[in-house]
Amino acid sequence: EDSVKGRFEISGDSAKNTMDLQMNG
């Protein structure tokens, strides 16, 4: 969404079966 674009990043880890959200700024 526009409010987080450029600051947040979503990424998955198939080995751990997790989905992370890195939040910066």
mmCIF file of all heavy atoms, coordinates in Angstrom:
data_MODEL
# 
_entry.id   MODEL 
# 
loop_
_atom_site.group_PDB 
_atom_site.id 
_atom_site.type_symbol 
_atom_site.label_atom_id 
_atom_site.label_alt_id 
_atom_site.label_comp_id 
_atom_site.label_asym_id 
_atom_site.label_entity_id 
_atom_site.label_seq_id 
_atom_site.pdbx_PDB_ins_code 
_atom_site.Cartn_x 
_atom_site.Cartn_y 
_atom_site.Cartn_z 
_atom_site.occupancy 
_atom_site.B_iso_or_equiv 
_atom_site.pdbx_formal_charge 
_atom_site.auth_seq_id 
_atom_site.auth_comp_id 
_atom_site.auth_asym_id 
_atom_site.auth_atom_id 
_atom_site.pdbx_PDB_model_num 
ATOM 1   N N   . GLU A 1 1  ? 0.846  -1.187  0.000  1.00 0.00 ? 1  GLU A N   1 
ATOM 2   C CA  . GLU A 1 1  ? 0.000  0.000   0.000  1.00 0.00 ? 1  GLU A CA  1 
ATOM 3   C C   . GLU A 1 1  ? 0.888  1.246   0.000  1.00 0.00 ? 1  GLU A C   1 
ATOM 4   O O   . GLU A 1 1  ? 2.025  1.216   0.455  1.00 0.00 ? 1  GLU A O   1 
ATOM 5   C CB  . GLU A 1 1  ? -0.935 -0.009  1.205  1.00 0.00 ? 1  GLU A CB  1 
ATOM 6   C CG  . GLU A 1 1  ? -1.931 -1.153  1.183  1.00 0.00 ? 1  GLU A CG  1 
ATOM 7   C CD  . GLU A 1 1  ? -2.882 -1.120  -0.004 1.00 0.00 ? 1  GLU A CD  1 
ATOM 8   O OE1 . GLU A 1 1  ? -3.076 -0.037  -0.607 1.00 0.00 ? 1  GLU A OE1 1 
ATOM 9   O OE2 . GLU A 1 1  ? -3.421 -2.185  -0.355 1.00 0.00 ? 1  GLU A OE2 1 
ATOM 10  N N   . ASP A 1 2  ? 0.354  2.342   -0.540 1.00 0.00 ? 2  ASP A N   1 
ATOM 11  C CA  . ASP A 1 2  ? 1.154  3.552   -0.713 1.00 0.00 ? 2  ASP A CA  1 
ATOM 12  C C   . ASP A 1 2  ? 1.780  4.047   0.582  1.00 0.00 ? 2  ASP A C   1 
ATOM 13  O O   . ASP A 1 2  ? 2.881  4.599   0.584  1.00 0.00 ? 2  ASP A O   1 
ATOM 14  C CB  . ASP A 1 2  ? 0.287  4.664   -1.320 1.00 0.00 ? 2  ASP A CB  1 
ATOM 15  C CG  . ASP A 1 2  ? -0.045 4.419   -2.784 1.00 0.00 ? 2  ASP A CG  1 
ATOM 16  O OD1 . ASP A 1 2  ? 0.605  3.544   -3.403 1.00 0.00 ? 2  ASP A OD1 1 
ATOM 17  O OD2 . ASP A 1 2  ? -0.955 5.089   -3.299 1.00 0.00 ? 2  ASP A OD2 1 
ATOM 18  N N   . SER A 1 3  ? 1.103  3.846   1.696  1.00 0.00 ? 3  SER A N   1 
ATOM 19  C CA  . SER A 1 3  ? 1.579  4.372   2.979  1.00 0.00 ? 3  SER A CA  1 
ATOM 20  C C   . SER A 1 3  ? 2.887  3.727   3.432  1.00 0.00 ? 3  SER A C   1 
ATOM 21  O O   . SER A 1 3  ? 3.587  4.297   4.284  1.00 0.00 ? 3  SER A O   1 
ATOM 22  C CB  . SER A 1 3  ? 0.504  4.182   4.050  1.00 0.00 ? 3  SER A CB  1 
ATOM 23  O OG  . SER A 1 3  ? 0.171  2.809   4.177  1.00 0.00 ? 3  SER A OG  1 
ATOM 24  N N   . VAL A 1 4  ? 3.221  2.546   2.901  1.00 0.00 ? 4  VAL A N   1 
ATOM 25  C CA  . VAL A 1 4  ? 4.426  1.849   3.353  1.00 0.00 ? 4  VAL A CA  1 
ATOM 26  C C   . VAL A 1 4  ? 5.408  1.595   2.218  1.00 0.00 ? 4  VAL A C   1 
ATOM 27  O O   . VAL A 1 4  ? 6.510  1.083   2.454  1.00 0.00 ? 4  VAL A O   1 
ATOM 28  C CB  . VAL A 1 4  ? 4.090  0.515   4.043  1.00 0.00 ? 4  VAL A CB  1 
ATOM 29  C CG1 . VAL A 1 4  ? 3.114  0.743   5.183  1.00 0.00 ? 4  VAL A CG1 1 
ATOM 30  C CG2 . VAL A 1 4  ? 3.558  -0.510  3.055  1.00 0.00 ? 4  VAL A CG2 1 
ATOM 31  N N   . LYS A 1 5  ? 5.037  1.961   1.001  1.00 0.00 ? 5  LYS A N   1 
ATOM 32  C CA  . LYS A 1 5  ? 5.873  1.661   -0.151 1.00 0.00 ? 5  LYS A CA  1 
ATOM 33  C C   . LYS A 1 5  ? 7.238  2.317   0.005  1.00 0.00 ? 5  LYS A C   1 
ATOM 34  O O   . LYS A 1 5  ? 7.357  3.490   0.361  1.00 0.00 ? 5  LYS A O   1 
ATOM 35  C CB  . LYS A 1 5  ? 5.180  2.163   -1.417 1.00 0.00 ? 5  LYS A CB  1 
ATOM 36  C CG  . LYS A 1 5  ? 5.599  1.488   -2.693 1.00 0.00 ? 5  LYS A CG  1 
ATOM 37  C CD  . LYS A 1 5  ? 4.692  1.881   -3.843 1.00 0.00 ? 5  LYS A CD  1 
ATOM 38  C CE  . LYS A 1 5  ? 3.321  1.275   -3.723 1.00 0.00 ? 5  LYS A CE  1 
ATOM 39  N NZ  . LYS A 1 5  ? 2.466  1.584   -4.885 1.00 0.00 ? 5  LYS A NZ  1 
ATOM 40  N N   . GLY A 1 6  ? 8.296  1.552   -0.237 1.00 0.00 ? 6  GLY A N   1 
ATOM 41  C CA  . GLY A 1 6  ? 9.653  2.057   -0.115 1.00 0.00 ? 6  GLY A CA  1 
ATOM 42  C C   . GLY A 1 6  ? 10.220 1.937   1.285  1.00 0.00 ? 6  GLY A C   1 
ATOM 43  O O   . GLY A 1 6  ? 11.424 2.140   1.492  1.00 0.00 ? 6  GLY A O   1 
ATOM 44  N N   . ARG A 1 7  ? 9.383  1.607   2.261  1.00 0.00 ? 7  ARG A N   1 
ATOM 45  C CA  . ARG A 1 7  ? 9.857  1.467   3.651  1.00 0.00 ? 7  ARG A CA  1 
ATOM 46  C C   . ARG A 1 7  ? 9.725  0.033   4.159  1.00 0.00 ? 7  ARG A C   1 
ATOM 47  O O   . ARG A 1 7  ? 10.528 -0.404  4.976  1.00 0.00 ? 7  ARG A O   1 
ATOM 48  C CB  . ARG A 1 7  ? 9.055  2.396   4.569  1.00 0.00 ? 7  ARG A CB  1 
ATOM 49  C CG  . ARG A 1 7  ? 9.163  3.861   4.215  1.00 0.00 ? 7  ARG A CG  1 
ATOM 50  C CD  . ARG A 1 7  ? 8.501  4.736   5.284  1.00 0.00 ? 7  ARG A CD  1 
ATOM 51  N NE  . ARG A 1 7  ? 7.062  4.501   5.384  1.00 0.00 ? 7  ARG A NE  1 
ATOM 52  C CZ  . ARG A 1 7  ? 6.445  4.141   6.521  1.00 0.00 ? 7  ARG A CZ  1 
ATOM 53  N NH1 . ARG A 1 7  ? 7.157  3.963   7.631  1.00 0.00 ? 7  ARG A NH1 1 
ATOM 54  N NH2 . ARG A 1 7  ? 5.137  3.964   6.540  1.00 0.00 ? 7  ARG A NH2 1 
ATOM 55  N N   . PHE A 1 8  ? 8.715  -0.681  3.711  1.00 0.00 ? 8  PHE A N   1 
ATOM 56  C CA  . PHE A 1 8  ? 8.462  -2.046  4.179  1.00 0.00 ? 8  PHE A CA  1 
ATOM 57  C C   . PHE A 1 8  ? 8.813  -3.040  3.066  1.00 0.00 ? 8  PHE A C   1 
ATOM 58  O O   . PHE A 1 8  ? 8.673  -2.737  1.875  1.00 0.00 ? 8  PHE A O   1 
ATOM 59  C CB  . PHE A 1 8  ? 6.989  -2.226  4.545  1.00 0.00 ? 8  PHE A CB  1 
ATOM 60  C CG  . PHE A 1 8  ? 6.543  -1.507  5.788  1.00 0.00 ? 8  PHE A CG  1 
ATOM 61  C CD1 . PHE A 1 8  ? 7.317  -0.542  6.401  1.00 0.00 ? 8  PHE A CD1 1 
ATOM 62  C CD2 . PHE A 1 8  ? 5.320  -1.818  6.365  1.00 0.00 ? 8  PHE A CD2 1 
ATOM 63  C CE1 . PHE A 1 8  ? 6.898  0.120   7.545  1.00 0.00 ? 8  PHE A CE1 1 
ATOM 64  C CE2 . PHE A 1 8  ? 4.869  -1.176  7.504  1.00 0.00 ? 8  PHE A CE2 1 
ATOM 65  C CZ  . PHE A 1 8  ? 5.664  -0.191  8.097  1.00 0.00 ? 8  PHE A CZ  1 
ATOM 66  N N   . GLU A 1 9  ? 9.222  -4.218  3.478  1.00 0.00 ? 9  GLU A N   1 
ATOM 67  C CA  . GLU A 1 9  ? 9.509  -5.279  2.519  1.00 0.00 ? 9  GLU A CA  1 
ATOM 68  C C   . GLU A 1 9  ? 9.028  -6.609  3.068  1.00 0.00 ? 9  GLU A C   1 
ATOM 69  O O   . GLU A 1 9  ? 9.353  -6.977  4.195  1.00 0.00 ? 9  GLU A O   1 
ATOM 70  C CB  . GLU A 1 9  ? 11.000 -5.356  2.202  1.00 0.00 ? 9  GLU A CB  1 
ATOM 71  C CG  . GLU A 1 9  ? 11.332 -6.423  1.157  1.00 0.00 ? 9  GLU A CG  1 
ATOM 72  C CD  . GLU A 1 9  ? 12.799 -6.425  0.772  1.00 0.00 ? 9  GLU A CD  1 
ATOM 73  O OE1 . GLU A 1 9  ? 13.581 -5.673  1.380  1.00 0.00 ? 9  GLU A OE1 1 
ATOM 74  O OE2 . GLU A 1 9  ? 13.163 -7.185  -0.144 1.00 0.00 ? 9  GLU A OE2 1 
ATOM 75  N N   . ILE A 1 10 ? 8.271  -7.340  2.256  1.00 0.00 ? 10 ILE A N   1 
ATOM 76  C CA  . ILE A 1 10 ? 7.765  -8.652  2.647  1.00 0.00 ? 10 ILE A CA  1 
ATOM 77  C C   . ILE A 1 10 ? 8.638  -9.720  1.996  1.00 0.00 ? 10 ILE A C   1 
ATOM 78  O O   . ILE A 1 10 ? 9.070  -9.569  0.850  1.00 0.00 ? 10 ILE A O   1 
ATOM 79  C CB  . ILE A 1 10 ? 6.277  -8.801  2.227  1.00 0.00 ? 10 ILE A CB  1 
ATOM 80  C CG1 . ILE A 1 10 ? 5.645  -10.030 2.854  1.00 0.00 ? 10 ILE A CG1 1 
ATOM 81  C CG2 . ILE A 1 10 ? 6.134  -8.821  0.708  1.00 0.00 ? 10 ILE A CG2 1 
ATOM 82  C CD1 . ILE A 1 10 ? 4.125  -10.096 2.636  1.00 0.00 ? 10 ILE A CD1 1 
ATOM 83  N N   . SER A 1 11 ? 8.942  -10.770 2.745  1.00 0.00 ? 11 SER A N   1 
ATOM 84  C CA  . SER A 1 11 ? 9.777  -11.835 2.188  1.00 0.00 ? 11 SER A CA  1 
ATOM 85  C C   . SER A 1 11 ? 9.435  -13.154 2.867  1.00 0.00 ? 11 SER A C   1 
ATOM 86  O O   . SER A 1 11 ? 9.113  -13.194 4.051  1.00 0.00 ? 11 SER A O   1 
ATOM 87  C CB  . SER A 1 11 ? 11.260 -11.517 2.361  1.00 0.00 ? 11 SER A CB  1 
ATOM 88  O OG  . SER A 1 11 ? 11.598 -11.403 3.728  1.00 0.00 ? 11 SER A OG  1 
ATOM 89  N N   . GLY A 1 12 ? 9.525  -14.234 2.093  1.00 0.00 ? 12 GLY A N   1 
ATOM 90  C CA  . GLY A 1 12 ? 9.200  -15.551 2.605  1.00 0.00 ? 12 GLY A CA  1 
ATOM 91  C C   . GLY A 1 12 ? 10.412 -16.441 2.725  1.00 0.00 ? 12 GLY A C   1 
ATOM 92  O O   . GLY A 1 12 ? 11.401 -16.270 2.004  1.00 0.00 ? 12 GLY A O   1 
ATOM 93  N N   . ASP A 1 13 ? 10.356 -17.364 3.657  1.00 0.00 ? 13 ASP A N   1 
ATOM 94  C CA  . ASP A 1 13 ? 11.414 -18.356 3.853  1.00 0.00 ? 13 ASP A CA  1 
ATOM 95  C C   . ASP A 1 13 ? 10.755 -19.727 3.776  1.00 0.00 ? 13 ASP A C   1 
ATOM 96  O O   . ASP A 1 13 ? 10.053 -20.129 4.704  1.00 0.00 ? 13 ASP A O   1 
ATOM 97  C CB  . ASP A 1 13 ? 12.086 -18.137 5.210  1.00 0.00 ? 13 ASP A CB  1 
ATOM 98  C CG  . ASP A 1 13 ? 13.295 -19.027 5.412  1.00 0.00 ? 13 ASP A CG  1 
ATOM 99  O OD1 . ASP A 1 13 ? 13.265 -20.202 4.961  1.00 0.00 ? 13 ASP A OD1 1 
ATOM 100 O OD2 . ASP A 1 13 ? 14.276 -18.578 6.043  1.00 0.00 ? 13 ASP A OD2 1 
ATOM 101 N N   . SER A 1 14 ? 10.975 -20.440 2.681  1.00 0.00 ? 14 SER A N   1 
ATOM 102 C CA  . SER A 1 14 ? 10.300 -21.719 2.497  1.00 0.00 ? 14 SER A CA  1 
ATOM 103 C C   . SER A 1 14 ? 10.801 -22.777 3.462  1.00 0.00 ? 14 SER A C   1 
ATOM 104 O O   . SER A 1 14 ? 10.050 -23.648 3.890  1.00 0.00 ? 14 SER A O   1 
ATOM 105 C CB  . SER A 1 14 ? 10.463 -22.199 1.053  1.00 0.00 ? 14 SER A CB  1 
ATOM 106 O OG  . SER A 1 14 ? 11.831 -22.295 0.718  1.00 0.00 ? 14 SER A OG  1 
ATOM 107 N N   . ALA A 1 15 ? 12.060 -22.708 3.844  1.00 0.00 ? 15 ALA A N   1 
ATOM 108 C CA  . ALA A 1 15 ? 12.606 -23.696 4.773  1.00 0.00 ? 15 ALA A CA  1 
ATOM 109 C C   . ALA A 1 15 ? 11.962 -23.560 6.154  1.00 0.00 ? 15 ALA A C   1 
ATOM 110 O O   . ALA A 1 15 ? 11.714 -24.553 6.837  1.00 0.00 ? 15 ALA A O   1 
ATOM 111 C CB  . ALA A 1 15 ? 14.117 -23.550 4.874  1.00 0.00 ? 15 ALA A CB  1 
ATOM 112 N N   . LYS A 1 16 ? 11.705 -22.346 6.563  1.00 0.00 ? 16 LYS A N   1 
ATOM 113 C CA  . LYS A 1 16 ? 11.111 -22.108 7.879  1.00 0.00 ? 16 LYS A CA  1 
ATOM 114 C C   . LYS A 1 16 ? 9.584  -22.011 7.806  1.00 0.00 ? 16 LYS A C   1 
ATOM 115 O O   . LYS A 1 16 ? 8.929  -21.992 8.840  1.00 0.00 ? 16 LYS A O   1 
ATOM 116 C CB  . LYS A 1 16 ? 11.655 -20.805 8.475  1.00 0.00 ? 16 LYS A CB  1 
ATOM 117 C CG  . LYS A 1 16 ? 13.147 -20.825 8.760  1.00 0.00 ? 16 LYS A CG  1 
ATOM 118 C CD  . LYS A 1 16 ? 13.590 -19.489 9.335  1.00 0.00 ? 16 LYS A CD  1 
ATOM 119 C CE  . LYS A 1 16 ? 15.080 -19.461 9.608  1.00 0.00 ? 16 LYS A CE  1 
ATOM 120 N NZ  . LYS A 1 16 ? 15.521 -18.139 10.137 1.00 0.00 ? 16 LYS A NZ  1 
ATOM 121 N N   . ASN A 1 17 ? 9.045  -21.899 6.587  1.00 0.00 ? 17 ASN A N   1 
ATOM 122 C CA  . ASN A 1 17 ? 7.608  -21.699 6.395  1.00 0.00 ? 17 ASN A CA  1 
ATOM 123 C C   . ASN A 1 17 ? 7.142  -20.436 7.118  1.00 0.00 ? 17 ASN A C   1 
ATOM 124 O O   . ASN A 1 17 ? 6.161  -20.450 7.887  1.00 0.00 ? 17 ASN A O   1 
ATOM 125 C CB  . ASN A 1 17 ? 6.803  -22.923 6.852  1.00 0.00 ? 17 ASN A CB  1 
ATOM 126 C CG  . ASN A 1 17 ? 5.404  -22.965 6.261  1.00 0.00 ? 17 ASN A CG  1 
ATOM 127 O OD1 . ASN A 1 17 ? 5.136  -22.397 5.195  1.00 0.00 ? 17 ASN A OD1 1 
ATOM 128 N ND2 . ASN A 1 17 ? 4.494  -23.624 6.959  1.00 0.00 ? 17 ASN A ND2 1 
ATOM 129 N N   . THR A 1 18 ? 7.865  -19.358 6.880  1.00 0.00 ? 18 THR A N   1 
ATOM 130 C CA  . THR A 1 18 ? 7.537  -18.082 7.512  1.00 0.00 ? 18 THR A CA  1 
ATOM 131 C C   . THR A 1 18 ? 7.438  -16.986 6.452  1.00 0.00 ? 18 THR A C   1 
ATOM 132 O O   . THR A 1 18 ? 7.999  -17.110 5.359  1.00 0.00 ? 18 THR A O   1 
ATOM 133 C CB  . THR A 1 18 ? 8.610  -17.666 8.531  1.00 0.00 ? 18 THR A CB  1 
ATOM 134 O OG1 . THR A 1 18 ? 9.891  -17.610 7.878  1.00 0.00 ? 18 THR A OG1 1 
ATOM 135 C CG2 . THR A 1 18 ? 8.682  -18.633 9.703  1.00 0.00 ? 18 THR A CG2 1 
ATOM 136 N N   . MET A 1 19 ? 6.749  -15.926 6.805  1.00 0.00 ? 19 MET A N   1 
ATOM 137 C CA  . MET A 1 19 ? 6.661  -14.735 5.963  1.00 0.00 ? 19 MET A CA  1 
ATOM 138 C C   . MET A 1 19 ? 6.977  -13.540 6.842  1.00 0.00 ? 19 MET A C   1 
ATOM 139 O O   . MET A 1 19 ? 6.268  -13.285 7.816  1.00 0.00 ? 19 MET A O   1 
ATOM 140 C CB  . MET A 1 19 ? 5.263  -14.581 5.363  1.00 0.00 ? 19 MET A CB  1 
ATOM 141 C CG  . MET A 1 19 ? 5.148  -13.439 4.369  1.00 0.00 ? 19 MET A CG  1 
ATOM 142 S SD  . MET A 1 19 ? 6.091  -13.703 2.864  1.00 0.00 ? 19 MET A SD  1 
ATOM 143 C CE  . MET A 1 19 ? 5.060  -14.923 2.037  1.00 0.00 ? 19 MET A CE  1 
ATOM 144 N N   . ASP A 1 20 ? 8.041  -12.836 6.522  1.00 0.00 ? 20 ASP A N   1 
ATOM 145 C CA  . ASP A 1 20 ? 8.499  -11.720 7.336  1.00 0.00 ? 20 ASP A CA  1 
ATOM 146 C C   . ASP A 1 20 ? 8.084  -10.389 6.727  1.00 0.00 ? 20 ASP A C   1 
ATOM 147 O O   . ASP A 1 20 ? 7.880  -10.274 5.518  1.00 0.00 ? 20 ASP A O   1 
ATOM 148 C CB  . ASP A 1 20 ? 10.019 -11.758 7.473  1.00 0.00 ? 20 ASP A CB  1 
ATOM 149 C CG  . ASP A 1 20 ? 10.507 -12.876 8.359  1.00 0.00 ? 20 ASP A CG  1 
ATOM 150 O OD1 . ASP A 1 20 ? 9.670  -13.637 8.898  1.00 0.00 ? 20 ASP A OD1 1 
ATOM 151 O OD2 . ASP A 1 20 ? 11.736 -13.004 8.521  1.00 0.00 ? 20 ASP A OD2 1 
ATOM 152 N N   . LEU A 1 21 ? 8.001  -9.393  7.584  1.00 0.00 ? 21 LEU A N   1 
ATOM 153 C CA  . LEU A 1 21 ? 7.763  -8.017  7.148  1.00 0.00 ? 21 LEU A CA  1 
ATOM 154 C C   . LEU A 1 21 ? 8.844  -7.152  7.763  1.00 0.00 ? 21 LEU A C   1 
ATOM 155 O O   . LEU A 1 21 ? 8.828  -6.920  8.984  1.00 0.00 ? 21 LEU A O   1 
ATOM 156 C CB  . LEU A 1 21 ? 6.371  -7.534  7.578  1.00 0.00 ? 21 LEU A CB  1 
ATOM 157 C CG  . LEU A 1 21 ? 5.989  -6.140  7.073  1.00 0.00 ? 21 LEU A CG  1 
ATOM 158 C CD1 . LEU A 1 21 ? 5.784  -6.158  5.559  1.00 0.00 ? 21 LEU A CD1 1 
ATOM 159 C CD2 . LEU A 1 21 ? 4.735  -5.638  7.787  1.00 0.00 ? 21 LEU A CD2 1 
ATOM 160 N N   . GLN A 1 22 ? 9.771  -6.701  6.949  1.00 0.00 ? 22 GLN A N   1 
ATOM 161 C CA  . GLN A 1 22 ? 10.829 -5.794  7.403  1.00 0.00 ? 22 GLN A CA  1 
ATOM 162 C C   . GLN A 1 22 ? 10.295 -4.374  7.307  1.00 0.00 ? 22 GLN A C   1 
ATOM 163 O O   . GLN A 1 22 ? 9.873  -3.939  6.226  1.00 0.00 ? 22 GLN A O   1 
ATOM 164 C CB  . GLN A 1 22 ? 12.082 -5.956  6.540  1.00 0.00 ? 22 GLN A CB  1 
ATOM 165 C CG  . GLN A 1 22 ? 13.195 -4.995  6.890  1.00 0.00 ? 22 GLN A CG  1 
ATOM 166 C CD  . GLN A 1 22 ? 13.781 -5.261  8.261  1.00 0.00 ? 22 GLN A CD  1 
ATOM 167 O OE1 . GLN A 1 22 ? 13.981 -6.399  8.656  1.00 0.00 ? 22 GLN A OE1 1 
ATOM 168 N NE2 . GLN A 1 22 ? 14.064 -4.186  9.004  1.00 0.00 ? 22 GLN A NE2 1 
ATOM 169 N N   . MET A 1 23 ? 10.311 -3.671  8.422  1.00 0.00 ? 23 MET A N   1 
ATOM 170 C CA  . MET A 1 23 ? 9.762  -2.319  8.471  1.00 0.00 ? 23 MET A CA  1 
ATOM 171 C C   . MET A 1 23 ? 10.866 -1.352  8.824  1.00 0.00 ? 23 MET A C   1 
ATOM 172 O O   . MET A 1 23 ? 11.448 -1.424  9.908  1.00 0.00 ? 23 MET A O   1 
ATOM 173 C CB  . MET A 1 23 ? 8.637  -2.250  9.514  1.00 0.00 ? 23 MET A CB  1 
ATOM 174 C CG  . MET A 1 23 ? 7.557  -3.312  9.308  1.00 0.00 ? 23 MET A CG  1 
ATOM 175 S SD  . MET A 1 23 ? 6.146  -3.096  10.399 1.00 0.00 ? 23 MET A SD  1 
ATOM 176 C CE  . MET A 1 23 ? 6.909  -3.381  11.991 1.00 0.00 ? 23 MET A CE  1 
ATOM 177 N N   . ASN A 1 24 ? 11.172 -0.459  7.914  1.00 0.00 ? 24 ASN A N   1 
ATOM 178 C CA  . ASN A 1 24 ? 12.200 0.560   8.107  1.00 0.00 ? 24 ASN A CA  1 
ATOM 179 C C   . ASN A 1 24 ? 11.576 1.942   8.081  1.00 0.00 ? 24 ASN A C   1 
ATOM 180 O O   . ASN A 1 24 ? 10.466 2.127   7.586  1.00 0.00 ? 24 ASN A O   1 
ATOM 181 C CB  . ASN A 1 24 ? 13.250 0.445   7.003  1.00 0.00 ? 24 ASN A CB  1 
ATOM 182 C CG  . ASN A 1 24 ? 13.926 -0.915  6.956  1.00 0.00 ? 24 ASN A CG  1 
ATOM 183 O OD1 . ASN A 1 24 ? 14.231 -1.523  7.988  1.00 0.00 ? 24 ASN A OD1 1 
ATOM 184 N ND2 . ASN A 1 24 ? 14.173 -1.412  5.759  1.00 0.00 ? 24 ASN A ND2 1 
ATOM 185 N N   . GLY A 1 25 ? 12.303 2.913   8.600  1.00 0.00 ? 25 GLY A N   1 
ATOM 186 C CA  . GLY A 1 25 ? 11.797 4.286   8.584  1.00 0.00 ? 25 GLY A CA  1 
ATOM 187 C C   . GLY A 1 25 ? 10.443 4.409   9.247  1.00 0.00 ? 25 GLY A C   1 
ATOM 188 O O   . GLY A 1 25 ? 9.555  5.120   8.753  1.00 0.00 ? 25 GLY A O   1 
# 
